[in-house]
Amino acid sequence: MDTIILVGYIAGALTTLSFVPQVIRAWRLKETRDLSLSMLLLFALGVLLWTLYGVWTSSMPIIAANVITFVLILVLLWMKIKYT
């Protein structure tokens, strides 16, 4: 595997995994008061645009990381709405 692609996958994995503790915390505590709805919506839009960019440039690390991150953000948004 090309070194640049490997760095892309590692970077994507680390930034995507950074959301997992927040999802777990919100799930366990059933509490999302500390999460800004506008931040989640803006971040979701940004991640969606990054995914589109990844598709346009055929960059699998960008596509994979952002699709997974988008799913995690959707989970947080769902919990934000459910627990409010």
C-alpha atoms as a PDB file:
ATOM      1  CA  MET A   1       0.000   0.000   0.000  1.00  0.00           C
ATOM      2  CA  ASP A   2       1.226   3.464  -0.852  1.00  0.00           C
ATOM      3  CA  THR A   3       2.543   5.411   2.176  1.00  0.00           C
ATOM      4  CA  ILE A   4       0.344   8.427   1.414  1.00  0.00           C
ATOM      5  CA  ILE A   5      -2.784   6.247   1.315  1.00  0.00           C
ATOM      6  CA  LEU A   6      -1.743   4.546   4.564  1.00  0.00           C
ATOM      7  CA  VAL A   7      -1.320   7.927   6.263  1.00  0.00           C
ATOM      8  CA  GLY A   8      -4.778   8.875   4.996  1.00  0.00           C
ATOM      9  CA  TYR A   9      -6.339   5.745   6.497  1.00  0.00           C
ATOM     10  CA  ILE A  10      -4.550   6.259   9.828  1.00  0.00           C
ATOM     11  CA  ALA A  11      -5.572   9.930   9.989  1.00  0.00           C
ATOM     12  CA  GLY A  12      -9.158   9.035   9.095  1.00  0.00           C
ATOM     13  CA  ALA A  13      -9.276   6.259  11.684  1.00  0.00           C
ATOM     14  CA  LEU A  14      -7.976   8.512  14.454  1.00  0.00           C
ATOM     15  CA  THR A  15     -10.321  11.401  13.731  1.00  0.00           C
ATOM     16  CA  THR A  16     -13.281   9.048  13.330  1.00  0.00           C
ATOM     17  CA  LEU A  17     -12.488   7.144  16.520  1.00  0.00           C
ATOM     18  CA  SER A  18     -12.391  10.445  18.415  1.00  0.00           C
ATOM     19  CA  PHE A  19     -16.206  10.507  18.204  1.00  0.00           C
ATOM     20  CA  VAL A  20     -16.696   7.051  19.708  1.00  0.00           C
ATOM     21  CA  PRO A  21     -16.156   8.089  23.378  1.00  0.00           C
ATOM     22  CA  GLN A  22     -18.746  10.865  22.981  1.00  0.00           C
ATOM     23  CA  VAL A  23     -21.286   8.473  21.472  1.00  0.00           C
ATOM     24  CA  ILE A  24     -20.666   5.931  24.264  1.00  0.00           C
ATOM     25  CA  ARG A  25     -20.933   8.630  26.953  1.00  0.00           C
ATOM     26  CA  ALA A  26     -24.180  10.003  25.545  1.00  0.00           C
ATOM     27  CA  TRP A  27     -25.583   6.485  25.194  1.00  0.00           C
ATOM     28  CA  ARG A  28     -24.683   5.452  28.760  1.00  0.00           C
ATOM     29  CA  LEU A  29     -25.793   8.660  30.460  1.00  0.00           C
ATOM     30  CA  LYS A  30     -28.767   9.270  28.150  1.00  0.00           C
ATOM     31  CA  GLU A  31     -27.591  12.878  28.242  1.00  0.00           C
ATOM     32  CA  THR A  32     -26.669  15.183  25.363  1.00  0.00           C
ATOM     33  CA  ARG A  33     -27.142  18.568  27.004  1.00  0.00           C
ATOM     34  CA  ASP A  34     -23.437  19.349  26.605  1.00  0.00           C
ATOM     35  CA  LEU A  35     -23.624  18.835  22.818  1.00  0.00           C
ATOM     36  CA  SER A  36     -24.543  21.818  20.686  1.00  0.00           C
ATOM     37  CA  LEU A  37     -27.188  20.987  18.079  1.00  0.00           C
ATOM     38  CA  SER A  38     -25.838  23.643  15.715  1.00  0.00           C
ATOM     39  CA  MET A  39     -22.296  22.225  16.047  1.00  0.00           C
ATOM     40  CA  LEU A  40     -23.540  18.726  15.253  1.00  0.00           C
ATOM     41  CA  LEU A  41     -25.511  19.936  12.228  1.00  0.00           C
ATOM     42  CA  LEU A  42     -22.643  22.029  10.863  1.00  0.00           C
ATOM     43  CA  PHE A  43     -20.168  19.226  11.450  1.00  0.00           C
ATOM     44  CA  ALA A  44     -22.490  16.745   9.721  1.00  0.00           C
ATOM     45  CA  LEU A  45     -22.735  19.048   6.709  1.00  0.00           C
ATOM     46  CA  GLY A  46     -18.944  19.425   6.615  1.00  0.00           C
ATOM     47  CA  VAL A  47     -18.429  15.669   6.834  1.00  0.00           C
ATOM     48  CA  LEU A  48     -20.988  15.130   4.084  1.00  0.00           C
ATOM     49  CA  LEU A  49     -19.123  17.591   1.868  1.00  0.00           C
ATOM     50  CA  TRP A  50     -15.802  15.858   2.660  1.00  0.00           C
ATOM     51  CA  THR A  51     -17.409  12.587   1.613  1.00  0.00           C
ATOM     52  CA  LEU A  52     -18.517  14.166  -1.656  1.00  0.00           C
ATOM     53  CA  TYR A  53     -14.990  15.506  -2.163  1.00  0.00           C
ATOM     54  CA  GLY A  54     -13.618  12.019  -1.526  1.00  0.00           C
ATOM     55  CA  VAL A  55     -15.972  10.567  -4.130  1.00  0.00           C
ATOM     56  CA  TRP A  56     -15.015  13.228  -6.673  1.00  0.00           C
ATOM     57  CA  THR A  57     -11.289  12.621  -6.104  1.00  0.00           C
ATOM     58  CA  SER A  58     -11.656   8.834  -5.734  1.00  0.00           C
ATOM     59  CA  SER A  59      -9.972   8.956  -2.318  1.00  0.00           C
ATOM     60  CA  MET A  60     -11.029   5.888  -0.346  1.00  0.00           C
ATOM     61  CA  PRO A  61      -9.451   7.063   2.964  1.00  0.00           C
ATOM     62  CA  ILE A  62     -11.510  10.262   2.825  1.00  0.00           C
ATOM     63  CA  ILE A  63     -14.673   8.424   1.806  1.00  0.00           C
ATOM     64  CA  ALA A  64     -14.343   5.683   4.438  1.00  0.00           C
ATOM     65  CA  ALA A  65     -13.485   7.967   7.337  1.00  0.00           C
ATOM     66  CA  ASN A  66     -16.203  10.481   6.570  1.00  0.00           C
ATOM     67  CA  VAL A  67     -18.965   7.944   5.956  1.00  0.00           C
ATOM     68  CA  ILE A  68     -18.250   6.336   9.341  1.00  0.00           C
ATOM     69  CA  THR A  69     -17.980   9.741  11.029  1.00  0.00           C
ATOM     70  CA  PHE A  70     -21.280  10.790   9.447  1.00  0.00           C
ATOM     71  CA  VAL A  71     -22.990   7.704  10.887  1.00  0.00           C
ATOM     72  CA  LEU A  72     -21.593   8.517  14.347  1.00  0.00           C
ATOM     73  CA  ILE A  73     -22.837  12.099  14.043  1.00  0.00           C
ATOM     74  CA  LEU A  74     -26.273  10.823  13.013  1.00  0.00           C
ATOM     75  CA  VAL A  75     -26.318   8.661  16.147  1.00  0.00           C
ATOM     76  CA  LEU A  76     -25.425  11.700  18.274  1.00  0.00           C
ATOM     77  CA  LEU A  77     -28.091  13.791  16.531  1.00  0.00           C
ATOM     78  CA  TRP A  78     -30.669  11.066  17.097  1.00  0.00           C
ATOM     79  CA  MET A  79     -29.747  10.928  20.791  1.00  0.00           C
ATOM     80  CA  LYS A  80     -29.763  14.739  21.017  1.00  0.00           C
ATOM     81  CA  ILE A  81     -33.337  14.785  19.740  1.00  0.00           C
ATOM     82  CA  LYS A  82     -34.456  11.741  21.716  1.00  0.00           C
ATOM     83  CA  TYR A  83     -33.011  12.813  25.078  1.00  0.00           C
ATOM     84  CA  THR A  84     -34.146  16.456  24.853  1.00  0.00           C
END
